[in-house]
Amino acid sequence: MRKIKLILLVALLLVAVCIGAWFVQDNSSSTDVVLLGFHLGIMPVGIWMLVFFLSGAAVGIALSYPAIFGLKRQSRRSLKMLRKLENDLGKAQNNAAGE
């Protein structure tokens, strides 16, 4: 199963690289980007679009991590409480059956 996941991940990465290369080839006109007064350089529009798309995706993923970790912590707490309540219920049922 692990090898299948690796093969699928490599295939997906290869497809993404091919689509990115195709996108850059179709948007090959050069442009100069200025960010806060600094010239970032002259590159094809396709490369700039891919750079900004990937950096935006990375920022979005990074900003979602605190929420994900909070939900995981809440889930662990809820599971712990559920196990405790199930244990208490089992003890109560055993005490009721023993009387």
PDB file of N, CA and C in Angstrom:
ATOM      1  N   MET A   1       0.821  -1.191   0.000  1.00  0.00           N
ATOM      2  CA  MET A   1       0.000   0.000   0.000  1.00  0.00           C
ATOM      3  C   MET A   1       0.864   1.254   0.000  1.00  0.00           C
ATOM      4  N   ARG A   2       1.966   1.164   0.715  1.00  0.00           N
ATOM      5  CA  ARG A   2       2.867   2.316   0.799  1.00  0.00           C
ATOM      6  C   ARG A   2       3.497   2.619  -0.557  1.00  0.00           C
ATOM      7  N   LYS A   3       3.843   1.570  -1.296  1.00  0.00           N
ATOM      8  CA  LYS A   3       4.437   1.753  -2.619  1.00  0.00           C
ATOM      9  C   LYS A   3       3.433   2.357  -3.587  1.00  0.00           C
ATOM     10  N   ILE A   4       2.179   1.960  -3.471  1.00  0.00           N
ATOM     11  CA  ILE A   4       1.143   2.510  -4.341  1.00  0.00           C
ATOM     12  C   ILE A   4       0.978   4.000  -4.077  1.00  0.00           C
ATOM     13  N   LYS A   5       0.969   4.393  -2.802  1.00  0.00           N
ATOM     14  CA  LYS A   5       0.860   5.808  -2.456  1.00  0.00           C
ATOM     15  C   LYS A   5       2.042   6.591  -3.019  1.00  0.00           C
ATOM     16  N   LEU A   6       3.232   6.036  -2.911  1.00  0.00           N
ATOM     17  CA  LEU A   6       4.423   6.699  -3.434  1.00  0.00           C
ATOM     18  C   LEU A   6       4.346   6.851  -4.950  1.00  0.00           C
ATOM     19  N   ILE A   7       3.913   5.796  -5.631  1.00  0.00           N
ATOM     20  CA  ILE A   7       3.788   5.850  -7.092  1.00  0.00           C
ATOM     21  C   ILE A   7       2.755   6.891  -7.492  1.00  0.00           C
ATOM     22  N   LEU A   8       1.625   6.933  -6.795  1.00  0.00           N
ATOM     23  CA  LEU A   8       0.592   7.925  -7.101  1.00  0.00           C
ATOM     24  C   LEU A   8       1.079   9.342  -6.824  1.00  0.00           C
ATOM     25  N   LEU A   9       1.834   9.528  -5.747  1.00  0.00           N
ATOM     26  CA  LEU A   9       2.366  10.851  -5.417  1.00  0.00           C
ATOM     27  C   LEU A   9       3.354  11.311  -6.480  1.00  0.00           C
ATOM     28  N   VAL A  10       4.229  10.419  -6.926  1.00  0.00           N
ATOM     29  CA  VAL A  10       5.201  10.765  -7.968  1.00  0.00           C
ATOM     30  C   VAL A  10       4.475  11.071  -9.280  1.00  0.00           C
ATOM     31  N   ALA A  11       3.462  10.277  -9.609  1.00  0.00           N
ATOM     32  CA  ALA A  11       2.697  10.520 -10.834  1.00  0.00           C
ATOM     33  C   ALA A  11       1.975  11.863 -10.765  1.00  0.00           C
ATOM     34  N   LEU A  12       1.381  12.189  -9.618  1.00  0.00           N
ATOM     35  CA  LEU A  12       0.699  13.465  -9.448  1.00  0.00           C
ATOM     36  C   LEU A  12       1.677  14.629  -9.550  1.00  0.00           C
ATOM     37  N   LEU A  13       2.850  14.479  -8.962  1.00  0.00           N
ATOM     38  CA  LEU A  13       3.875  15.513  -9.040  1.00  0.00           C
ATOM     39  C   LEU A  13       4.350  15.701 -10.479  1.00  0.00           C
ATOM     40  N   LEU A  14       4.518  14.617 -11.201  1.00  0.00           N
ATOM     41  CA  LEU A  14       4.928  14.692 -12.604  1.00  0.00           C
ATOM     42  C   LEU A  14       3.868  15.389 -13.457  1.00  0.00           C
ATOM     43  N   VAL A  15       2.611  15.084 -13.227  1.00  0.00           N
ATOM     44  CA  VAL A  15       1.524  15.737 -13.958  1.00  0.00           C
ATOM     45  C   VAL A  15       1.502  17.236 -13.639  1.00  0.00           C
ATOM     46  N   ALA A  16       1.677  17.595 -12.362  1.00  0.00           N
ATOM     47  CA  ALA A  16       1.678  19.007 -11.972  1.00  0.00           C
ATOM     48  C   ALA A  16       2.833  19.762 -12.628  1.00  0.00           C
ATOM     49  N   VAL A  17       4.009  19.143 -12.692  1.00  0.00           N
ATOM     50  CA  VAL A  17       5.158  19.786 -13.333  1.00  0.00           C
ATOM     51  C   VAL A  17       4.898  19.962 -14.831  1.00  0.00           C
ATOM     52  N   CYS A  18       4.316  18.960 -15.462  1.00  0.00           N
ATOM     53  CA  CYS A  18       4.014  19.067 -16.901  1.00  0.00           C
ATOM     54  C   CYS A  18       2.993  20.169 -17.167  1.00  0.00           C
ATOM     55  N   ILE A  19       1.955  20.247 -16.347  1.00  0.00           N
ATOM     56  CA  ILE A  19       0.956  21.306 -16.521  1.00  0.00           C
ATOM     57  C   ILE A  19       1.592  22.673 -16.273  1.00  0.00           C
ATOM     58  N   GLY A  20       2.467  22.772 -15.270  1.00  0.00           N
ATOM     59  CA  GLY A  20       3.164  24.031 -15.009  1.00  0.00           C
ATOM     60  C   GLY A  20       4.041  24.447 -16.170  1.00  0.00           C
ATOM     61  N   ALA A  21       4.773  23.504 -16.747  1.00  0.00           N
ATOM     62  CA  ALA A  21       5.618  23.819 -17.907  1.00  0.00           C
ATOM     63  C   ALA A  21       4.768  24.246 -19.099  1.00  0.00           C
ATOM     64  N   TRP A  22       3.649  23.586 -19.302  1.00  0.00           N
ATOM     65  CA  TRP A  22       2.742  23.947 -20.386  1.00  0.00           C
ATOM     66  C   TRP A  22       2.184  25.348 -20.169  1.00  0.00           C
ATOM     67  N   PHE A  23       1.815  25.666 -18.919  1.00  0.00           N
ATOM     68  CA  PHE A  23       1.281  26.984 -18.579  1.00  0.00           C
ATOM     69  C   PHE A  23       2.318  28.076 -18.844  1.00  0.00           C
ATOM     70  N   VAL A  24       3.566  27.830 -18.435  1.00  0.00           N
ATOM     71  CA  VAL A  24       4.636  28.812 -18.658  1.00  0.00           C
ATOM     72  C   VAL A  24       4.890  28.981 -20.151  1.00  0.00           C
ATOM     73  N   GLN A  25       4.842  27.907 -20.911  1.00  0.00           N
ATOM     74  CA  GLN A  25       5.063  27.991 -22.351  1.00  0.00           C
ATOM     75  C   GLN A  25       3.966  28.804 -23.029  1.00  0.00           C
ATOM     76  N   ASP A  26       2.728  28.639 -22.596  1.00  0.00           N
ATOM     77  CA  ASP A  26       1.618  29.383 -23.204  1.00  0.00           C
ATOM     78  C   ASP A  26       1.610  30.855 -22.796  1.00  0.00           C
ATOM     79  N   ASN A  27       2.195  31.196 -21.655  1.00  0.00           N
ATOM     80  CA  ASN A  27       2.238  32.580 -21.163  1.00  0.00           C
ATOM     81  C   ASN A  27       3.697  33.032 -21.111  1.00  0.00           C
ATOM     82  N   SER A  28       4.311  33.117 -22.274  1.00  0.00           N
ATOM     83  CA  SER A  28       5.756  33.339 -22.331  1.00  0.00           C
ATOM     84  C   SER A  28       6.164  34.798 -22.491  1.00  0.00           C
ATOM     85  N   SER A  29       5.230  35.733 -22.554  1.00  0.00           N
ATOM     86  CA  SER A  29       5.629  37.134 -22.695  1.00  0.00           C
ATOM     87  C   SER A  29       6.272  37.614 -21.395  1.00  0.00           C
ATOM     88  N   SER A  30       7.388  38.309 -21.508  1.00  0.00           N
ATOM     89  CA  SER A  30       8.147  38.735 -20.340  1.00  0.00           C
ATOM     90  C   SER A  30       7.551  39.997 -19.729  1.00  0.00           C
ATOM     91  N   THR A  31       7.685  40.089 -18.418  1.00  0.00           N
ATOM     92  CA  THR A  31       7.221  41.270 -17.701  1.00  0.00           C
ATOM     93  C   THR A  31       8.116  41.510 -16.496  1.00  0.00           C
ATOM     94  N   ASP A  32       8.120  42.756 -16.046  1.00  0.00           N
ATOM     95  CA  ASP A  32       8.903  43.147 -14.881  1.00  0.00           C
ATOM     96  C   ASP A  32       7.941  43.376 -13.728  1.00  0.00           C
ATOM     97  N   VAL A  33       8.189  42.754 -12.600  1.00  0.00           N
ATOM     98  CA  VAL A  33       7.321  42.900 -11.435  1.00  0.00           C
ATOM     99  C   VAL A  33       8.040  43.750 -10.400  1.00  0.00           C
ATOM    100  N   VAL A  34       7.319  44.748  -9.858  1.00  0.00           N
ATOM    101  CA  VAL A  34       7.856  45.633  -8.828  1.00  0.00           C
ATOM    102  C   VAL A  34       7.049  45.386  -7.562  1.00  0.00           C
ATOM    103  N   LEU A  35       7.742  45.021  -6.485  1.00  0.00           N
ATOM    104  CA  LEU A  35       7.092  44.753  -5.208  1.00  0.00           C
ATOM    105  C   LEU A  35       7.639  45.725  -4.177  1.00  0.00           C
ATOM    106  N   LEU A  36       6.798  46.629  -3.711  1.00  0.00           N
ATOM    107  CA  LEU A  36       7.177  47.637  -2.710  1.00  0.00           C
ATOM    108  C   LEU A  36       8.383  48.450  -3.154  1.00  0.00           C
ATOM    109  N   GLY A  37       8.455  48.778  -4.425  1.00  0.00           N
ATOM    110  CA  GLY A  37       9.536  49.588  -4.963  1.00  0.00           C
ATOM    111  C   GLY A  37      10.766  48.812  -5.380  1.00  0.00           C
ATOM    112  N   PHE A  38      10.778  47.515  -5.149  1.00  0.00           N
ATOM    113  CA  PHE A  38      11.925  46.686  -5.523  1.00  0.00           C
ATOM    114  C   PHE A  38      11.590  45.906  -6.783  1.00  0.00           C
ATOM    115  N   HIS A  39      12.487  45.976  -7.756  1.00  0.00           N
ATOM    116  CA  HIS A  39      12.288  45.215  -8.987  1.00  0.00           C
ATOM    117  C   HIS A  39      12.663  43.760  -8.726  1.00  0.00           C
ATOM    118  N   LEU A  40      11.726  42.884  -8.948  1.00  0.00           N
ATOM    119  CA  LEU A  40      11.970  41.457  -8.697  1.00  0.00           C
ATOM    120  C   LEU A  40      12.592  40.755  -9.890  1.00  0.00           C
ATOM    121  N   GLY A  41      12.604  41.400 -11.019  1.00  0.00           N
ATOM    122  CA  GLY A  41      13.243  40.808 -12.187  1.00  0.00           C
ATOM    123  C   GLY A  41      12.276  40.664 -13.337  1.00  0.00           C
ATOM    124  N   ILE A  42      12.850  40.370 -14.485  1.00  0.00           N
ATOM    125  CA  ILE A  42      12.062  40.179 -15.696  1.00  0.00           C
ATOM    126  C   ILE A  42      12.005  38.683 -15.995  1.00  0.00           C
ATOM    127  N   MET A  43      10.798  38.155 -15.956  1.00  0.00           N
ATOM    128  CA  MET A  43      10.572  36.740 -16.259  1.00  0.00           C
ATOM    129  C   MET A  43       9.250  36.616 -17.008  1.00  0.00           C
ATOM    130  N   PRO A  44       8.999  35.461 -17.613  1.00  0.00           N
ATOM    131  CA  PRO A  44       7.715  35.253 -18.290  1.00  0.00           C
ATOM    132  C   PRO A  44       6.534  35.355 -17.314  1.00  0.00           C
ATOM    133  N   VAL A  45       5.405  35.792 -17.819  1.00  0.00           N
ATOM    134  CA  VAL A  45       4.203  35.954 -17.001  1.00  0.00           C
ATOM    135  C   VAL A  45       3.792  34.627 -16.366  1.00  0.00           C
ATOM    136  N   GLY A  46       3.946  33.539 -17.095  1.00  0.00           N
ATOM    137  CA  GLY A  46       3.579  32.228 -16.564  1.00  0.00           C
ATOM    138  C   GLY A  46       4.353  31.866 -15.315  1.00  0.00           C
ATOM    139  N   ILE A  47       5.641  32.169 -15.300  1.00  0.00           N
ATOM    140  CA  ILE A  47       6.454  31.875 -14.115  1.00  0.00           C
ATOM    141  C   ILE A  47       5.998  32.733 -12.950  1.00  0.00           C
ATOM    142  N   TRP A  48       5.754  34.032 -13.195  1.00  0.00           N
ATOM    143  CA  TRP A  48       5.280  34.902 -12.110  1.00  0.00           C
ATOM    144  C   TRP A  48       3.962  34.396 -11.540  1.00  0.00           C
ATOM    145  N   MET A  49       3.061  33.979 -12.435  1.00  0.00           N
ATOM    146  CA  MET A  49       1.767  33.493 -11.961  1.00  0.00           C
ATOM    147  C   MET A  49       1.921  32.223 -11.129  1.00  0.00           C
ATOM    148  N   LEU A  50       2.788  31.319 -11.553  1.00  0.00           N
ATOM    149  CA  LEU A  50       3.023  30.101 -10.780  1.00  0.00           C
ATOM    150  C   LEU A  50       3.671  30.411  -9.436  1.00  0.00           C
ATOM    151  N   VAL A  51       4.630  31.342  -9.421  1.00  0.00           N
ATOM    152  CA  VAL A  51       5.293  31.719  -8.163  1.00  0.00           C
ATOM    153  C   VAL A  51       4.275  32.296  -7.184  1.00  0.00           C
ATOM    154  N   PHE A  52       3.431  33.217  -7.661  1.00  0.00           N
ATOM    155  CA  PHE A  52       2.459  33.829  -6.764  1.00  0.00           C
ATOM    156  C   PHE A  52       1.370  32.843  -6.351  1.00  0.00           C
ATOM    157  N   PHE A  53       0.963  31.958  -7.231  1.00  0.00           N
ATOM    158  CA  PHE A  53      -0.027  30.944  -6.880  1.00  0.00           C
ATOM    159  C   PHE A  53       0.522  30.006  -5.814  1.00  0.00           C
ATOM    160  N   LEU A  54       1.745  29.515  -6.014  1.00  0.00           N
ATOM    161  CA  LEU A  54       2.333  28.582  -5.051  1.00  0.00           C
ATOM    162  C   LEU A  54       2.617  29.250  -3.707  1.00  0.00           C
ATOM    163  N   SER A  55       3.063  30.515  -3.739  1.00  0.00           N
ATOM    164  CA  SER A  55       3.303  31.205  -2.464  1.00  0.00           C
ATOM    165  C   SER A  55       1.985  31.466  -1.743  1.00  0.00           C
ATOM    166  N   GLY A  56       0.921  31.787  -2.465  1.00  0.00           N
ATOM    167  CA  GLY A  56      -0.387  31.965  -1.833  1.00  0.00           C
ATOM    168  C   GLY A  56      -0.913  30.663  -1.250  1.00  0.00           C
ATOM    169  N   ALA A  57      -0.705  29.566  -1.960  1.00  0.00           N
ATOM    170  CA  ALA A  57      -1.132  28.265  -1.438  1.00  0.00           C
ATOM    171  C   ALA A  57      -0.354  27.911  -0.178  1.00  0.00           C
ATOM    172  N   ALA A  58       0.950  28.191  -0.164  1.00  0.00           N
ATOM    173  CA  ALA A  58       1.768  27.898   1.015  1.00  0.00           C
ATOM    174  C   ALA A  58       1.332  28.745   2.207  1.00  0.00           C
ATOM    175  N   VAL A  59       1.033  30.016   1.974  1.00  0.00           N
ATOM    176  CA  VAL A  59       0.572  30.881   3.066  1.00  0.00           C
ATOM    177  C   VAL A  59      -0.785  30.392   3.580  1.00  0.00           C
ATOM    178  N   GLY A  60      -1.678  30.011   2.678  1.00  0.00           N
ATOM    179  CA  GLY A  60      -2.978  29.499   3.093  1.00  0.00           C
ATOM    180  C   GLY A  60      -2.866  28.241   3.933  1.00  0.00           C
ATOM    181  N   ILE A  61      -2.002  27.339   3.530  1.00  0.00           N
ATOM    182  CA  ILE A  61      -1.796  26.106   4.297  1.00  0.00           C
ATOM    183  C   ILE A  61      -1.196  26.428   5.663  1.00  0.00           C
ATOM    184  N   ALA A  62      -0.210  27.316   5.684  1.00  0.00           N
ATOM    185  CA  ALA A  62       0.431  27.674   6.953  1.00  0.00           C
ATOM    186  C   ALA A  62      -0.556  28.345   7.905  1.00  0.00           C
ATOM    187  N   LEU A  63      -1.443  29.179   7.386  1.00  0.00           N
ATOM    188  CA  LEU A  63      -2.411  29.855   8.246  1.00  0.00           C
ATOM    189  C   LEU A  63      -3.522  28.933   8.727  1.00  0.00           C
ATOM    190  N   SER A  64      -3.736  27.812   8.060  1.00  0.00           N
ATOM    191  CA  SER A  64      -4.773  26.883   8.496  1.00  0.00           C
ATOM    192  C   SER A  64      -4.275  25.902   9.562  1.00  0.00           C
ATOM    193  N   TYR A  65      -2.966  25.794   9.752  1.00  0.00           N
ATOM    194  CA  TYR A  65      -2.441  24.840  10.729  1.00  0.00           C
ATOM    195  C   TYR A  65      -2.907  25.094  12.155  1.00  0.00           C
ATOM    196  N   PRO A  66      -2.963  26.326  12.664  1.00  0.00           N
ATOM    197  CA  PRO A  66      -3.455  26.493  14.037  1.00  0.00           C
ATOM    198  C   PRO A  66      -4.873  25.957  14.231  1.00  0.00           C
ATOM    199  N   ALA A  67      -5.752  26.163  13.274  1.00  0.00           N
ATOM    200  CA  ALA A  67      -7.109  25.641  13.381  1.00  0.00           C
ATOM    201  C   ALA A  67      -7.108  24.113  13.355  1.00  0.00           C
ATOM    202  N   ILE A  68      -6.283  23.538  12.495  1.00  0.00           N
ATOM    203  CA  ILE A  68      -6.210  22.077  12.404  1.00  0.00           C
ATOM    204  C   ILE A  68      -5.704  21.485  13.709  1.00  0.00           C
ATOM    205  N   PHE A  69      -4.653  22.078  14.284  1.00  0.00           N
ATOM    206  CA  PHE A  69      -4.117  21.568  15.542  1.00  0.00           C
ATOM    207  C   PHE A  69      -5.123  21.734  16.671  1.00  0.00           C
ATOM    208  N   GLY A  70      -5.880  22.829  16.676  1.00  0.00           N
ATOM    209  CA  GLY A  70      -6.918  23.022  17.690  1.00  0.00           C
ATOM    210  C   GLY A  70      -7.996  21.963  17.592  1.00  0.00           C
ATOM    211  N   LEU A  71      -8.414  21.647  16.374  1.00  0.00           N
ATOM    212  CA  LEU A  71      -9.438  20.620  16.189  1.00  0.00           C
ATOM    213  C   LEU A  71      -8.925  19.235  16.576  1.00  0.00           C
ATOM    214  N   LYS A  72      -7.654  18.957  16.280  1.00  0.00           N
ATOM    215  CA  LYS A  72      -7.091  17.664  16.681  1.00  0.00           C
ATOM    216  C   LYS A  72      -7.039  17.546  18.200  1.00  0.00           C
ATOM    217  N   ARG A  73      -6.654  18.629  18.868  1.00  0.00           N
ATOM    218  CA  ARG A  73      -6.595  18.622  20.335  1.00  0.00           C
ATOM    219  C   ARG A  73      -7.992  18.424  20.916  1.00  0.00           C
ATOM    220  N   GLN A  74      -8.982  19.105  20.362  1.00  0.00           N
ATOM    221  CA  GLN A  74     -10.359  18.961  20.824  1.00  0.00           C
ATOM    222  C   GLN A  74     -10.857  17.535  20.591  1.00  0.00           C
ATOM    223  N   SER A  75     -10.500  16.937  19.463  1.00  0.00           N
ATOM    224  CA  SER A  75     -10.901  15.567  19.164  1.00  0.00           C
ATOM    225  C   SER A  75     -10.288  14.583  20.160  1.00  0.00           C
ATOM    226  N   ARG A  76      -8.998  14.769  20.461  1.00  0.00           N
ATOM    227  CA  ARG A  76      -8.353  13.887  21.445  1.00  0.00           C
ATOM    228  C   ARG A  76      -9.021  14.009  22.808  1.00  0.00           C
ATOM    229  N   ARG A  77      -9.339  15.243  23.213  1.00  0.00           N
ATOM    230  CA  ARG A  77     -10.007  15.461  24.490  1.00  0.00           C
ATOM    231  C   ARG A  77     -11.374  14.796  24.512  1.00  0.00           C
ATOM    232  N   SER A  78     -12.115  14.907  23.430  1.00  0.00           N
ATOM    233  CA  SER A  78     -13.443  14.302  23.354  1.00  0.00           C
ATOM    234  C   SER A  78     -13.353  12.781  23.403  1.00  0.00           C
ATOM    235  N   LEU A  79     -12.377  12.197  22.706  1.00  0.00           N
ATOM    236  CA  LEU A  79     -12.205  10.742  22.749  1.00  0.00           C
ATOM    237  C   LEU A  79     -11.843  10.268  24.150  1.00  0.00           C
ATOM    238  N   LYS A  80     -10.990  11.030  24.826  1.00  0.00           N
ATOM    239  CA  LYS A  80     -10.610  10.669  26.190  1.00  0.00           C
ATOM    240  C   LYS A  80     -11.825  10.713  27.116  1.00  0.00           C
ATOM    241  N   MET A  81     -12.656  11.735  26.961  1.00  0.00           N
ATOM    242  CA  MET A  81     -13.850  11.847  27.788  1.00  0.00           C
ATOM    243  C   MET A  81     -14.837  10.730  27.457  1.00  0.00           C
ATOM    244  N   LEU A  82     -14.963  10.379  26.180  1.00  0.00           N
ATOM    245  CA  LEU A  82     -15.859   9.293  25.781  1.00  0.00           C
ATOM    246  C   LEU A  82     -15.412   7.970  26.387  1.00  0.00           C
ATOM    247  N   ARG A  83     -14.121   7.687  26.350  1.00  0.00           N
ATOM    248  CA  ARG A  83     -13.612   6.443  26.957  1.00  0.00           C
ATOM    249  C   ARG A  83     -13.889   6.409  28.450  1.00  0.00           C
ATOM    250  N   LYS A  84     -13.712   7.550  29.119  1.00  0.00           N
ATOM    251  CA  LYS A  84     -13.969   7.620  30.557  1.00  0.00           C
ATOM    252  C   LYS A  84     -15.444   7.380  30.847  1.00  0.00           C
ATOM    253  N   LEU A  85     -16.328   7.994  30.058  1.00  0.00           N
ATOM    254  CA  LEU A  85     -17.757   7.804  30.267  1.00  0.00           C
ATOM    255  C   LEU A  85     -18.181   6.364  29.970  1.00  0.00           C
ATOM    256  N   GLU A  86     -17.596   5.744  28.940  1.00  0.00           N
ATOM    257  CA  GLU A  86     -17.909   4.347  28.642  1.00  0.00           C
ATOM    258  C   GLU A  86     -17.428   3.438  29.772  1.00  0.00           C
ATOM    259  N   ASN A  87     -16.280   3.741  30.341  1.00  0.00           N
ATOM    260  CA  ASN A  87     -15.755   2.978  31.471  1.00  0.00           C
ATOM    261  C   ASN A  87     -16.673   3.132  32.683  1.00  0.00           C
ATOM    262  N   ASP A  88     -17.104   4.370  32.945  1.00  0.00           N
ATOM    263  CA  ASP A  88     -18.015   4.606  34.063  1.00  0.00           C
ATOM    264  C   ASP A  88     -19.348   3.887  33.850  1.00  0.00           C
ATOM    265  N   LEU A  89     -19.854   3.882  32.627  1.00  0.00           N
ATOM    266  CA  LEU A  89     -21.104   3.193  32.316  1.00  0.00           C
ATOM    267  C   LEU A  89     -20.958   1.694  32.540  1.00  0.00           C
ATOM    268  N   GLY A  90     -19.831   1.122  32.105  1.00  0.00           N
ATOM    269  CA  GLY A  90     -19.593  -0.308  32.319  1.00  0.00           C
ATOM    270  C   GLY A  90     -19.545  -0.645  33.792  1.00  0.00           C
ATOM    271  N   LYS A  91     -18.899   0.203  34.591  1.00  0.00           N
ATOM    272  CA  LYS A  91     -18.847  -0.030  36.043  1.00  0.00           C
ATOM    273  C   LYS A  91     -20.243   0.063  36.651  1.00  0.00           C
ATOM    274  N   ALA A  92     -21.033   1.038  36.210  1.00  0.00           N
ATOM    275  CA  ALA A  92     -22.385   1.191  36.732  1.00  0.00           C
ATOM    276  C   ALA A  92     -23.257   0.010  36.362  1.00  0.00           C
ATOM    277  N   GLN A  93     -23.110  -0.504  35.145  1.00  0.00           N
ATOM    278  CA  GLN A  93     -23.903  -1.668  34.733  1.00  0.00           C
ATOM    279  C   GLN A  93     -23.497  -2.902  35.507  1.00  0.00           C
ATOM    280  N   ASN A  94     -22.187  -3.051  35.786  1.00  0.00           N
ATOM    281  CA  ASN A  94     -21.712  -4.190  36.582  1.00  0.00           C
ATOM    282  C   ASN A  94     -22.236  -4.114  38.003  1.00  0.00           C
ATOM    283  N   ASN A  95     -22.260  -2.900  38.568  1.00  0.00           N
ATOM    284  CA  ASN A  95     -22.777  -2.728  39.936  1.00  0.00           C
ATOM    285  C   ASN A  95     -24.278  -3.013  39.976  1.00  0.00           C
ATOM    286  N   ALA A  96     -25.019  -2.592  38.952  1.00  0.00           N
ATOM    287  CA  ALA A  96     -26.474  -2.826  38.912  1.00  0.00           C
ATOM    288  C   ALA A  96     -26.759  -4.319  38.730  1.00  0.00           C
ATOM    289  N   ALA A  97     -25.939  -5.006  37.941  1.00  0.00           N
ATOM    290  CA  ALA A  97     -26.165  -6.437  37.712  1.00  0.00           C
ATOM    291  C   ALA A  97     -25.787  -7.246  38.954  1.00  0.00           C
ATOM    292  N   GLY A  98     -24.844  -6.753  39.747  1.00  0.00           N
ATOM    293  CA  GLY A  98     -24.398  -7.466  40.920  1.00  0.00           C
ATOM    294  C   GLY A  98     -25.340  -7.340  42.092  1.00  0.00           C
ATOM    295  N   GLU A  99     -26.231  -6.383  42.071  1.00  0.00           N
ATOM    296  CA  GLU A  99     -27.149  -6.178  43.210  1.00  0.00           C
ATOM    297  C   GLU A  99     -28.303  -7.097  43.172  1.00  0.00           C
TER     298      GLU A  99
END
